[in-house]
C-alpha atoms as a PDB file:
ATOM      1  CA  MET A   1     245.212 162.738 174.234  1.00  0.00           C
ATOM      2  CA  LYS A   2     242.302 160.071 175.761  1.00  0.00           C
ATOM      3  CA  THR A   3     240.019 162.093 175.261  1.00  0.00           C
ATOM      4  CA  LEU A   4     240.851 162.963 171.815  1.00  0.00           C
ATOM      5  CA  ILE A   5     241.080 159.671 170.596  1.00  0.00           C
ATOM      6  CA  ALA A   6     237.605 158.821 172.645  1.00  0.00           C
ATOM      7  CA  ILE A   7     235.875 161.890 171.068  1.00  0.00           C
ATOM      8  CA  GLY A   8     237.595 161.894 167.030  1.00  0.00           C
ATOM      9  CA  THR A   9     235.962 158.065 167.807  1.00  0.00           C
ATOM     10  CA  ILE A  10     232.876 159.073 168.008  1.00  0.00           C
ATOM     11  CA  VAL A  11     232.884 162.631 165.363  1.00  0.00           C
ATOM     12  CA  GLY A  12     235.052 160.451 163.436  1.00  0.00           C
ATOM     13  CA  PRO A  13     232.029 157.975 162.324  1.00  0.00           C
ATOM     14  CA  PHE A  14     229.356 160.369 161.887  1.00  0.00           C
ATOM     15  CA  ALA A  15     231.053 163.183 159.447  1.00  0.00           C
ATOM     16  CA  PHE A  16     231.574 160.085 157.304  1.00  0.00           C
ATOM     17  CA  VAL A  17     228.039 159.118 157.136  1.00  0.00           C
ATOM     18  CA  LEU A  18     227.944 163.216 156.408  1.00  0.00           C
ATOM     19  CA  LEU A  19     230.609 162.589 153.373  1.00  0.00           C
ATOM     20  CA  ARG A  20     228.215 160.183 151.810  1.00  0.00           C
ATOM     21  CA  TRP A  21     224.841 161.824 152.168  1.00  0.00           C
ATOM     22  CA  THR A  22     226.978 164.970 150.420  1.00  0.00           C
ATOM     23  CA  SER A  23     228.751 163.302 147.606  1.00  0.00           C
ATOM     24  CA  ALA A  24     228.725 160.229 145.563  1.00  0.00           C
ATOM     25  CA  LYS A  25     232.505 160.840 144.818  1.00  0.00           C
ATOM     26  CA  LEU A  26     233.479 161.370 149.300  1.00  0.00           C
ATOM     27  CA  ARG A  27     231.470 157.425 149.218  1.00  0.00           C
ATOM     28  CA  THR A  28     233.387 156.228 147.066  1.00  0.00           C
ATOM     29  CA  ALA A  29     236.646 158.126 148.041  1.00  0.00           C
ATOM     30  CA  LEU A  30     235.865 156.679 151.440  1.00  0.00           C
ATOM     31  CA  ASP A  31     235.353 153.238 150.264  1.00  0.00           C
ATOM     32  CA  ALA A  32     238.448 153.110 148.691  1.00  0.00           C
ATOM     33  CA  LEU A  33     240.120 154.337 151.462  1.00  0.00           C
ATOM     34  CA  GLY A  34     238.609 151.560 153.049  1.00  0.00           C
ATOM     35  CA  VAL A  35     239.864 148.795 151.352  1.00  0.00           C
ATOM     36  CA  VAL A  36     243.952 151.070 150.952  1.00  0.00           C
ATOM     37  CA  SER A  37     244.100 150.439 154.681  1.00  0.00           C
ATOM     38  CA  ALA A  38     242.330 146.860 154.592  1.00  0.00           C
ATOM     39  CA  PHE A  39     245.207 145.350 152.912  1.00  0.00           C
ATOM     40  CA  GLY A  40     247.773 147.495 154.574  1.00  0.00           C
ATOM     41  CA  PHE A  41     246.719 146.496 157.432  1.00  0.00           C
ATOM     42  CA  GLY A  42     246.869 142.602 156.423  1.00  0.00           C
ATOM     43  CA  LEU A  43     250.153 142.959 154.589  1.00  0.00           C
ATOM     44  CA  LEU A  44     252.142 145.274 157.378  1.00  0.00           C
ATOM     45  CA  SER A  45     250.537 141.883 159.917  1.00  0.00           C
ATOM     46  CA  ALA A  46     251.642 139.734 157.554  1.00  0.00           C
ATOM     47  CA  PHE A  47     255.200 140.852 157.271  1.00  0.00           C
ATOM     48  CA  ALA A  48     255.616 141.297 160.686  1.00  0.00           C
ATOM     49  CA  VAL A  49     254.283 137.006 162.145  1.00  0.00           C
ATOM     50  CA  ALA A  50     256.538 135.995 158.660  1.00  0.00           C
ATOM     51  CA  ASP A  51     259.259 138.233 159.902  1.00  0.00           C
ATOM     52  CA  ILE A  52     259.335 136.972 163.655  1.00  0.00           C
ATOM     53  CA  ARG A  53     259.191 133.208 161.838  1.00  0.00           C
ATOM     54  CA  ALA A  54     261.729 133.784 160.123  1.00  0.00           C
ATOM     55  CA  HIS A  55     264.458 134.989 162.856  1.00  0.00           C
ATOM     56  CA  GLY A  56     262.824 132.378 165.483  1.00  0.00           C
ATOM     57  CA  THR A  57     261.838 135.359 167.832  1.00  0.00           C
ATOM     58  CA  VAL A  58     259.511 135.606 170.390  1.00  0.00           C
ATOM     59  CA  TYR A  59     256.504 135.831 169.117  1.00  0.00           C
ATOM     60  CA  ALA A  60     254.663 137.676 172.060  1.00  0.00           C
ATOM     61  CA  THR A  61     257.839 140.596 172.726  1.00  0.00           C
ATOM     62  CA  GLU A  62     258.697 140.792 169.159  1.00  0.00           C
ATOM     63  CA  VAL A  63     255.167 141.326 167.111  1.00  0.00           C
ATOM     64  CA  HIS A  64     254.035 144.657 169.796  1.00  0.00           C
ATOM     65  CA  LYS A  65     257.110 146.811 167.687  1.00  0.00           C
ATOM     66  CA  LEU A  66     254.663 146.657 164.701  1.00  0.00           C
ATOM     67  CA  PHE A  67     252.622 149.157 166.517  1.00  0.00           C
ATOM     68  CA  ASP A  68     255.396 151.526 166.081  1.00  0.00           C
ATOM     69  CA  ASN A  69     255.135 151.707 162.535  1.00  0.00           C
ATOM     70  CA  PRO A  70     253.672 155.047 161.947  1.00  0.00           C
ATOM     71  CA  ALA A  71     252.033 153.228 158.513  1.00  0.00           C
ATOM     72  CA  PHE A  72     250.150 150.661 160.769  1.00  0.00           C
ATOM     73  CA  LEU A  73     248.957 152.999 163.175  1.00  0.00           C
ATOM     74  CA  ALA A  74     247.024 154.708 160.198  1.00  0.00           C
ATOM     75  CA  PHE A  75     246.088 151.720 158.497  1.00  0.00           C
ATOM     76  CA  ALA A  76     244.832 150.141 161.856  1.00  0.00           C
ATOM     77  CA  GLY A  77     242.948 153.623 162.812  1.00  0.00           C
ATOM     78  CA  TYR A  78     241.392 154.370 159.233  1.00  0.00           C
ATOM     79  CA  LEU A  79     240.151 150.947 159.374  1.00  0.00           C
ATOM     80  CA  GLY A  80     238.172 151.321 163.135  1.00  0.00           C
ATOM     81  CA  LEU A  81     236.681 154.740 162.484  1.00  0.00           C
ATOM     82  CA  TYR A  82     235.331 153.053 158.632  1.00  0.00           C
ATOM     83  CA  MET A  83     234.086 149.951 160.142  1.00  0.00           C
ATOM     84  CA  LEU A  84     231.701 152.452 162.697  1.00  0.00           C
ATOM     85  CA  TYR A  85     230.900 154.592 159.953  1.00  0.00           C
ATOM     86  CA  ARG A  86     230.099 151.192 158.410  1.00  0.00           C
ATOM     87  CA  LEU A  87     228.054 150.313 160.802  1.00  0.00           C
ATOM     88  CA  LEU A  88     226.403 153.752 161.647  1.00  0.00           C
ATOM     89  CA  TRP A  89     225.140 153.869 157.997  1.00  0.00           C
ATOM     90  CA  SER A  90     223.946 150.005 157.968  1.00  0.00           C
ATOM     91  CA  ALA A  91     221.525 151.154 160.903  1.00  0.00           C
ATOM     92  CA  PHE A  92     220.676 154.012 160.137  1.00  0.00           C
ATOM     93  CA  ALA A  93     218.998 152.376 156.312  1.00  0.00           C
ATOM     94  CA  SER A  94     217.449 149.624 159.035  1.00  0.00           C
ATOM     95  CA  PHE A  95     215.833 151.701 160.947  1.00  0.00           C
ATOM     96  CA  ARG A  96     214.589 154.013 157.763  1.00  0.00           C
ATOM     97  CA  GLU A  97     213.342 150.622 156.044  1.00  0.00           C
ATOM     98  CA  GLY A  98     212.410 150.170 159.455  1.00  0.00           C
ATOM     99  CA  ALA A  99     210.348 153.355 159.874  1.00  0.00           C
ATOM    100  CA  ARG A 100     208.457 153.144 155.600  1.00  0.00           C
END
């Protein structure tokens, strides 16, 4: 499983770059999913902290229940790949500008 995660982390952003080059609609979809993932990640994190504060539980142990939430894992997973893709795209853009 760890190997698949590592391979996906490497292959995923490169696949996003290829999708970006092929279609403006795909580029828009990738960006829209990034925005939705950022909102979802932020909201679920904020809700978890608010629940911990409201119930007066121990933050260090209760916050880890958030990692069991499939929606949080999906948002965080996509957001991680999206950030790597944007960094990769930025590097390619800088390389192209420097080559001119």
